[in-house]
Amino acid sequence: MIATDQQRKLQASARYERYGKPLEVAHRGQYVAISPSGETVLAPSVLEVVEKASEAFGPGSFVFKLGAKAVWRWR
């Protein structure tokens, strides 16, 4: 089943609130990838966080800039 855009937005928001928001104080401005199971990887750039997350837990994660309203997802 393919998730709709609205479902993906809700998933992304829920993951950020639970796993990303607590990282804002110490890592604001960095990028975080959050896996479906809640694992996180931090890096100073989008490219680096995607590379690290792909190696650590594969596709299906959301990428956020901590403290900003920006989100990406890769398959």
PDB file of N, CA and C in Angstrom:
ATOM      1  N   MET A   1       0.845  -1.185   0.000  1.00  0.00           N
ATOM      2  CA  MET A   1       0.000   0.000   0.000  1.00  0.00           C
ATOM      3  C   MET A   1       0.890   1.249   0.000  1.00  0.00           C
ATOM      4  N   ILE A   2       0.605   2.156  -0.871  1.00  0.00           N
ATOM      5  CA  ILE A   2       1.377   3.387  -0.985  1.00  0.00           C
ATOM      6  C   ILE A   2       0.746   4.458  -0.097  1.00  0.00           C
ATOM      7  N   ALA A   3       1.556   5.066   0.743  1.00  0.00           N
ATOM      8  CA  ALA A   3       1.065   6.115   1.624  1.00  0.00           C
ATOM      9  C   ALA A   3       0.778   7.376   0.825  1.00  0.00           C
ATOM     10  N   THR A   4      -0.288   8.047   1.181  1.00  0.00           N
ATOM     11  CA  THR A   4      -0.615   9.307   0.525  1.00  0.00           C
ATOM     12  C   THR A   4       0.296  10.410   1.059  1.00  0.00           C
ATOM     13  N   ASP A   5       0.305  11.545   0.381  1.00  0.00           N
ATOM     14  CA  ASP A   5       1.111  12.678   0.844  1.00  0.00           C
ATOM     15  C   ASP A   5       0.716  13.077   2.265  1.00  0.00           C
ATOM     16  N   GLN A   6      -0.567  13.082   2.543  1.00  0.00           N
ATOM     17  CA  GLN A   6      -1.045  13.461   3.880  1.00  0.00           C
ATOM     18  C   GLN A   6      -0.550  12.469   4.933  1.00  0.00           C
ATOM     19  N   GLN A   7      -0.580  11.173   4.611  1.00  0.00           N
ATOM     20  CA  GLN A   7      -0.084  10.164   5.550  1.00  0.00           C
ATOM     21  C   GLN A   7       1.415  10.337   5.795  1.00  0.00           C
ATOM     22  N   ARG A   8       2.162  10.623   4.731  1.00  0.00           N
ATOM     23  CA  ARG A   8       3.604  10.841   4.878  1.00  0.00           C
ATOM     24  C   ARG A   8       3.887  12.072   5.738  1.00  0.00           C
ATOM     25  N   LYS A   9       3.114  13.127   5.555  1.00  0.00           N
ATOM     26  CA  LYS A   9       3.292  14.330   6.369  1.00  0.00           C
ATOM     27  C   LYS A   9       3.038  14.026   7.843  1.00  0.00           C
ATOM     28  N   LEU A  10       2.009  13.240   8.112  1.00  0.00           N
ATOM     29  CA  LEU A  10       1.700  12.870   9.494  1.00  0.00           C
ATOM     30  C   LEU A  10       2.796  11.993  10.087  1.00  0.00           C
ATOM     31  N   GLN A  11       3.307  11.041   9.293  1.00  0.00           N
ATOM     32  CA  GLN A  11       4.399  10.181   9.757  1.00  0.00           C
ATOM     33  C   GLN A  11       5.640  11.021  10.065  1.00  0.00           C
ATOM     34  N   ALA A  12       5.969  11.922   9.153  1.00  0.00           N
ATOM     35  CA  ALA A  12       7.149  12.773   9.333  1.00  0.00           C
ATOM     36  C   ALA A  12       6.997  13.635  10.578  1.00  0.00           C
ATOM     37  N   SER A  13       5.856  14.239  10.742  1.00  0.00           N
ATOM     38  CA  SER A  13       5.614  15.099  11.893  1.00  0.00           C
ATOM     39  C   SER A  13       5.720  14.318  13.201  1.00  0.00           C
ATOM     40  N   ALA A  14       5.132  13.139  13.231  1.00  0.00           N
ATOM     41  CA  ALA A  14       5.167  12.316  14.439  1.00  0.00           C
ATOM     42  C   ALA A  14       6.598  11.895  14.779  1.00  0.00           C
ATOM     43  N   ARG A  15       7.360  11.499  13.771  1.00  0.00           N
ATOM     44  CA  ARG A  15       8.752  11.094  14.022  1.00  0.00           C
ATOM     45  C   ARG A  15       9.581  12.263  14.531  1.00  0.00           C
ATOM     46  N   TYR A  16       9.377  13.429  13.915  1.00  0.00           N
ATOM     47  CA  TYR A  16      10.157  14.587  14.350  1.00  0.00           C
ATOM     48  C   TYR A  16       9.817  14.953  15.789  1.00  0.00           C
ATOM     49  N   GLU A  17       8.544  15.000  16.115  1.00  0.00           N
ATOM     50  CA  GLU A  17       8.137  15.375  17.468  1.00  0.00           C
ATOM     51  C   GLU A  17       8.729  14.417  18.505  1.00  0.00           C
ATOM     52  N   ARG A  18       8.708  13.135  18.196  1.00  0.00           N
ATOM     53  CA  ARG A  18       9.165  12.129  19.156  1.00  0.00           C
ATOM     54  C   ARG A  18      10.694  12.008  19.221  1.00  0.00           C
ATOM     55  N   TYR A  19      11.349  11.995  18.074  1.00  0.00           N
ATOM     56  CA  TYR A  19      12.782  11.706  18.038  1.00  0.00           C
ATOM     57  C   TYR A  19      13.674  12.893  17.666  1.00  0.00           C
ATOM     58  N   GLY A  20      13.169  13.839  16.899  1.00  0.00           N
ATOM     59  CA  GLY A  20      13.983  14.959  16.447  1.00  0.00           C
ATOM     60  C   GLY A  20      13.951  16.157  17.382  1.00  0.00           C
ATOM     61  N   LYS A  21      12.773  16.517  17.832  1.00  0.00           N
ATOM     62  CA  LYS A  21      12.617  17.708  18.665  1.00  0.00           C
ATOM     63  C   LYS A  21      13.528  17.703  19.895  1.00  0.00           C
ATOM     64  N   PRO A  22      13.673  16.558  20.578  1.00  0.00           N
ATOM     65  CA  PRO A  22      14.574  16.544  21.738  1.00  0.00           C
ATOM     66  C   PRO A  22      16.038  16.842  21.387  1.00  0.00           C
ATOM     67  N   LEU A  23      16.415  16.722  20.129  1.00  0.00           N
ATOM     68  CA  LEU A  23      17.796  16.970  19.701  1.00  0.00           C
ATOM     69  C   LEU A  23      18.050  18.437  19.339  1.00  0.00           C
ATOM     70  N   GLU A  24      16.990  19.243  19.240  1.00  0.00           N
ATOM     71  CA  GLU A  24      17.127  20.626  18.773  1.00  0.00           C
ATOM     72  C   GLU A  24      18.082  21.465  19.614  1.00  0.00           C
ATOM     73  N   VAL A  25      18.007  21.361  20.922  1.00  0.00           N
ATOM     74  CA  VAL A  25      18.818  22.217  21.784  1.00  0.00           C
ATOM     75  C   VAL A  25      20.308  21.994  21.554  1.00  0.00           C
ATOM     76  N   ALA A  26      20.725  20.743  21.505  1.00  0.00           N
ATOM     77  CA  ALA A  26      22.150  20.438  21.382  1.00  0.00           C
ATOM     78  C   ALA A  26      22.658  20.421  19.942  1.00  0.00           C
ATOM     79  N   HIS A  27      21.747  20.252  18.965  1.00  0.00           N
ATOM     80  CA  HIS A  27      22.186  20.046  17.578  1.00  0.00           C
ATOM     81  C   HIS A  27      21.464  20.937  16.565  1.00  0.00           C
ATOM     82  N   ARG A  28      20.919  22.037  16.996  1.00  0.00           N
ATOM     83  CA  ARG A  28      20.177  22.943  16.108  1.00  0.00           C
ATOM     84  C   ARG A  28      21.002  23.293  14.868  1.00  0.00           C
ATOM     85  N   GLY A  29      20.368  23.217  13.696  1.00  0.00           N
ATOM     86  CA  GLY A  29      21.033  23.533  12.444  1.00  0.00           C
ATOM     87  C   GLY A  29      21.660  22.329  11.769  1.00  0.00           C
ATOM     88  N   GLN A  30      21.831  21.225  12.501  1.00  0.00           N
ATOM     89  CA  GLN A  30      22.346  20.004  11.897  1.00  0.00           C
ATOM     90  C   GLN A  30      21.182  19.242  11.263  1.00  0.00           C
ATOM     91  N   TYR A  31      21.514  18.195  10.544  1.00  0.00           N
ATOM     92  CA  TYR A  31      20.510  17.361   9.901  1.00  0.00           C
ATOM     93  C   TYR A  31      20.401  16.042  10.643  1.00  0.00           C
ATOM     94  N   VAL A  32      19.186  15.533  10.731  1.00  0.00           N
ATOM     95  CA  VAL A  32      18.941  14.251  11.376  1.00  0.00           C
ATOM     96  C   VAL A  32      18.115  13.378  10.440  1.00  0.00           C
ATOM     97  N   ALA A  33      18.498  12.114  10.349  1.00  0.00           N
ATOM     98  CA  ALA A  33      17.690  11.118   9.645  1.00  0.00           C
ATOM     99  C   ALA A  33      17.044  10.274  10.726  1.00  0.00           C
ATOM    100  N   ILE A  34      15.748  10.019  10.570  1.00  0.00           N
ATOM    101  CA  ILE A  34      15.012   9.228  11.547  1.00  0.00           C
ATOM    102  C   ILE A  34      14.402   8.036  10.826  1.00  0.00           C
ATOM    103  N   SER A  35      14.795   6.839  11.257  1.00  0.00           N
ATOM    104  CA  SER A  35      14.319   5.603  10.637  1.00  0.00           C
ATOM    105  C   SER A  35      12.893   5.297  11.086  1.00  0.00           C
ATOM    106  N   PRO A  36      12.216   4.369  10.423  1.00  0.00           N
ATOM    107  CA  PRO A  36      10.862   3.983  10.838  1.00  0.00           C
ATOM    108  C   PRO A  36      10.803   3.482  12.286  1.00  0.00           C
ATOM    109  N   SER A  37      11.910   2.914  12.784  1.00  0.00           N
ATOM    110  CA  SER A  37      11.919   2.406  14.161  1.00  0.00           C
ATOM    111  C   SER A  37      12.399   3.445  15.174  1.00  0.00           C
ATOM    112  N   GLY A  38      12.734   4.662  14.703  1.00  0.00           N
ATOM    113  CA  GLY A  38      13.129   5.733  15.607  1.00  0.00           C
ATOM    114  C   GLY A  38      14.625   5.906  15.796  1.00  0.00           C
ATOM    115  N   GLU A  39      15.435   5.141  15.080  1.00  0.00           N
ATOM    116  CA  GLU A  39      16.876   5.331  15.158  1.00  0.00           C
ATOM    117  C   GLU A  39      17.224   6.661  14.495  1.00  0.00           C
ATOM    118  N   THR A  40      18.255   7.316  14.987  1.00  0.00           N
ATOM    119  CA  THR A  40      18.649   8.609  14.427  1.00  0.00           C
ATOM    120  C   THR A  40      20.122   8.622  14.051  1.00  0.00           C
ATOM    121  N   VAL A  41      20.421   9.444  13.052  1.00  0.00           N
ATOM    122  CA  VAL A  41      21.794   9.715  12.620  1.00  0.00           C
ATOM    123  C   VAL A  41      21.876  11.220  12.421  1.00  0.00           C
ATOM    124  N   LEU A  42      22.924  11.834  12.949  1.00  0.00           N
ATOM    125  CA  LEU A  42      23.142  13.279  12.822  1.00  0.00           C
ATOM    126  C   LEU A  42      24.336  13.563  11.926  1.00  0.00           C
ATOM    127  N   ALA A  43      24.271  14.688  11.215  1.00  0.00           N
ATOM    128  CA  ALA A  43      25.385  15.137  10.383  1.00  0.00           C
ATOM    129  C   ALA A  43      25.206  16.619  10.068  1.00  0.00           C
ATOM    130  N   PRO A  44      26.301  17.299   9.703  1.00  0.00           N
ATOM    131  CA  PRO A  44      26.213  18.728   9.399  1.00  0.00           C
ATOM    132  C   PRO A  44      25.637  19.055   8.022  1.00  0.00           C
ATOM    133  N   SER A  45      25.529  18.056   7.124  1.00  0.00           N
ATOM    134  CA  SER A  45      24.981  18.328   5.795  1.00  0.00           C
ATOM    135  C   SER A  45      23.961  17.263   5.407  1.00  0.00           C
ATOM    136  N   VAL A  46      23.096  17.608   4.466  1.00  0.00           N
ATOM    137  CA  VAL A  46      22.077  16.668   3.983  1.00  0.00           C
ATOM    138  C   VAL A  46      22.751  15.451   3.355  1.00  0.00           C
ATOM    139  N   LEU A  47      23.720  15.688   2.511  1.00  0.00           N
ATOM    140  CA  LEU A  47      24.398  14.590   1.833  1.00  0.00           C
ATOM    141  C   LEU A  47      25.015  13.615   2.835  1.00  0.00           C
ATOM    142  N   GLU A  48      25.696  14.146   3.818  1.00  0.00           N
ATOM    143  CA  GLU A  48      26.348  13.296   4.812  1.00  0.00           C
ATOM    144  C   GLU A  48      25.337  12.511   5.640  1.00  0.00           C
ATOM    145  N   VAL A  49      24.242  13.138   6.033  1.00  0.00           N
ATOM    146  CA  VAL A  49      23.260  12.423   6.846  1.00  0.00           C
ATOM    147  C   VAL A  49      22.575  11.329   6.028  1.00  0.00           C
ATOM    148  N   VAL A  50      22.306  11.579   4.761  1.00  0.00           N
ATOM    149  CA  VAL A  50      21.692  10.560   3.901  1.00  0.00           C
ATOM    150  C   VAL A  50      22.651   9.382   3.709  1.00  0.00           C
ATOM    151  N   GLU A  51      23.926   9.673   3.466  1.00  0.00           N
ATOM    152  CA  GLU A  51      24.908   8.597   3.305  1.00  0.00           C
ATOM    153  C   GLU A  51      25.027   7.755   4.569  1.00  0.00           C
ATOM    154  N   LYS A  52      25.137   8.413   5.724  1.00  0.00           N
ATOM    155  CA  LYS A  52      25.259   7.693   6.994  1.00  0.00           C
ATOM    156  C   LYS A  52      24.003   6.871   7.296  1.00  0.00           C
ATOM    157  N   ALA A  53      22.837   7.468   7.070  1.00  0.00           N
ATOM    158  CA  ALA A  53      21.583   6.770   7.363  1.00  0.00           C
ATOM    159  C   ALA A  53      21.370   5.594   6.423  1.00  0.00           C
ATOM    160  N   SER A  54      21.724   5.747   5.163  1.00  0.00           N
ATOM    161  CA  SER A  54      21.584   4.648   4.207  1.00  0.00           C
ATOM    162  C   SER A  54      22.420   3.452   4.639  1.00  0.00           C
ATOM    163  N   GLU A  55      23.629   3.718   5.089  1.00  0.00           N
ATOM    164  CA  GLU A  55      24.497   2.647   5.565  1.00  0.00           C
ATOM    165  C   GLU A  55      23.972   2.039   6.862  1.00  0.00           C
ATOM    166  N   ALA A  56      23.470   2.881   7.752  1.00  0.00           N
ATOM    167  CA  ALA A  56      23.037   2.420   9.075  1.00  0.00           C
ATOM    168  C   ALA A  56      21.718   1.658   9.054  1.00  0.00           C
ATOM    169  N   PHE A  57      20.723   2.182   8.318  1.00  0.00           N
ATOM    170  CA  PHE A  57      19.425   1.514   8.363  1.00  0.00           C
ATOM    171  C   PHE A  57      18.643   1.531   7.066  1.00  0.00           C
ATOM    172  N   GLY A  58      19.260   1.786   5.942  1.00  0.00           N
ATOM    173  CA  GLY A  58      18.613   1.651   4.640  1.00  0.00           C
ATOM    174  C   GLY A  58      17.585   2.727   4.337  1.00  0.00           C
ATOM    175  N   PRO A  59      16.768   2.490   3.312  1.00  0.00           N
ATOM    176  CA  PRO A  59      15.779   3.480   2.868  1.00  0.00           C
ATOM    177  C   PRO A  59      14.562   3.544   3.791  1.00  0.00           C
ATOM    178  N   GLY A  60      13.731   4.550   3.542  1.00  0.00           N
ATOM    179  CA  GLY A  60      12.474   4.675   4.283  1.00  0.00           C
ATOM    180  C   GLY A  60      12.524   5.665   5.424  1.00  0.00           C
ATOM    181  N   SER A  61      13.618   6.386   5.546  1.00  0.00           N
ATOM    182  CA  SER A  61      13.771   7.344   6.631  1.00  0.00           C
ATOM    183  C   SER A  61      13.369   8.743   6.188  1.00  0.00           C
ATOM    184  N   PHE A  62      13.118   9.587   7.167  1.00  0.00           N
ATOM    185  CA  PHE A  62      12.866  10.994   6.913  1.00  0.00           C
ATOM    186  C   PHE A  62      14.101  11.767   7.347  1.00  0.00           C
ATOM    187  N   VAL A  63      14.417  12.842   6.632  1.00  0.00           N
ATOM    188  CA  VAL A  63      15.546  13.700   6.964  1.00  0.00           C
ATOM    189  C   VAL A  63      15.006  15.086   7.289  1.00  0.00           C
ATOM    190  N   PHE A  64      15.491  15.630   8.379  1.00  0.00           N
ATOM    191  CA  PHE A  64      15.052  16.949   8.841  1.00  0.00           C
ATOM    192  C   PHE A  64      16.261  17.811   9.148  1.00  0.00           C
ATOM    193  N   LYS A  65      16.092  19.121   9.024  1.00  0.00           N
ATOM    194  CA  LYS A  65      17.068  20.065   9.563  1.00  0.00           C
ATOM    195  C   LYS A  65      16.537  20.452  10.935  1.00  0.00           C
ATOM    196  N   LEU A  66      17.302  20.187  11.962  1.00  0.00           N
ATOM    197  CA  LEU A  66      16.836  20.423  13.323  1.00  0.00           C
ATOM    198  C   LEU A  66      16.570  21.904  13.572  1.00  0.00           C
ATOM    199  N   GLY A  67      15.371  22.180  14.030  1.00  0.00           N
ATOM    200  CA  GLY A  67      14.961  23.544  14.316  1.00  0.00           C
ATOM    201  C   GLY A  67      14.378  24.276  13.127  1.00  0.00           C
ATOM    202  N   ALA A  68      14.259  23.627  11.982  1.00  0.00           N
ATOM    203  CA  ALA A  68      13.731  24.255  10.763  1.00  0.00           C
ATOM    204  C   ALA A  68      12.567  23.452  10.205  1.00  0.00           C
ATOM    205  N   LYS A  69      11.751  24.091   9.392  1.00  0.00           N
ATOM    206  CA  LYS A  69      10.634  23.422   8.757  1.00  0.00           C
ATOM    207  C   LYS A  69      11.053  22.890   7.384  1.00  0.00           C
ATOM    208  N   ALA A  70      11.932  21.909   7.394  1.00  0.00           N
ATOM    209  CA  ALA A  70      12.378  21.277   6.139  1.00  0.00           C
ATOM    210  C   ALA A  70      12.412  19.766   6.357  1.00  0.00           C
ATOM    211  N   VAL A  71      11.886  19.033   5.381  1.00  0.00           N
ATOM    212  CA  VAL A  71      11.847  17.576   5.509  1.00  0.00           C
ATOM    213  C   VAL A  71      12.049  16.936   4.152  1.00  0.00           C
ATOM    214  N   TRP A  72      12.777  15.826   4.121  1.00  0.00           N
ATOM    215  CA  TRP A  72      12.981  15.042   2.920  1.00  0.00           C
ATOM    216  C   TRP A  72      12.718  13.598   3.252  1.00  0.00           C
ATOM    217  N   ARG A  73      12.421  12.825   2.232  1.00  0.00           N
ATOM    218  CA  ARG A  73      12.260  11.383   2.396  1.00  0.00           C
ATOM    219  C   ARG A  73      12.871  10.718   1.173  1.00  0.00           C
ATOM    220  N   TRP A  74      13.579   9.633   1.395  1.00  0.00           N
ATOM    221  CA  TRP A  74      14.109   8.889   0.244  1.00  0.00           C
ATOM    222  C   TRP A  74      13.623   7.469   0.342  1.00  0.00           C
ATOM    223  N   ARG A  75      13.565   6.818  -0.821  1.00  0.00           N
ATOM    224  CA  ARG A  75      13.022   5.455  -0.897  1.00  0.00           C
ATOM    225  C   ARG A  75      14.112   4.457  -1.133  1.00  0.00           C
TER     226      ARG A  75
END
